Amino acid sequence: MQITSFARPTAGQFAVATLAMAAVVLASNILVQFAINDWLTWGAFTYPVAYLVSDLVNRRFGPGMARRVAWVGFAVAIAASLMLAPMRIALASGLAFIASQLLDIRVFDRLRRGLWWRAPLVATVIAAVLDSIVFWGIAFAGTEGPWLTWAAGDLAVKLGVGVLMLLPFRLLIGRQAARASSALSH
């Protein structure tokens, strides 16, 4: 097993990552309450950004720091969600979020040395499936409304947005690599 050395984030970088994570989860918990149609809620469009945040932290600072960001983001988002969203949504979101984030981090870390797109794509797909099963099964099972079709539509959008997040991921890791290369040459 090869040990990889990762940069340590500044307090500001850690704060930005955890606040971004918390903001995405909180926005998604609020937006999931608003249906677009029988197949989709607005939360499906915001939640996949959490995987982008996690994968960027994991790529640059390693899985340990990505887990810290996930746990702190989780705590902040759940506290805020309990005040702004119904308890069943806040709790379902919390369980789904932490389970899927920890899975995303683990899968990403195992695939990090492959092609640049493989780790974020595979990790996001697997984690999004787990997130959807846990969230929709807890938050809306037994309630009125077409929650099974919302779950299917939500997953489809999460996967589509997850693929679209590859572009900002590539651009941001490319910028990081350019900065690191520039710093080494000076």
Foldseek 3Di string as FASTA:
>chain_A
DDDDAADDDDPVVLVVLLVLLLVLLLVLLQQQVAAPDQQATPSLQRNLVNLLSLLLCCLHGNLVSSLVSQVSSLVNNLVVCVVVHPPQQSVLSSVLSNVLSNQLSVQLRVCVVDPNQVSQLVSQLVSLVSSLCSNLVRRDVPHDGSSVSHSVSSSVSSNVVSVVSSVVSVVVVVVVVVVVVVVVVD
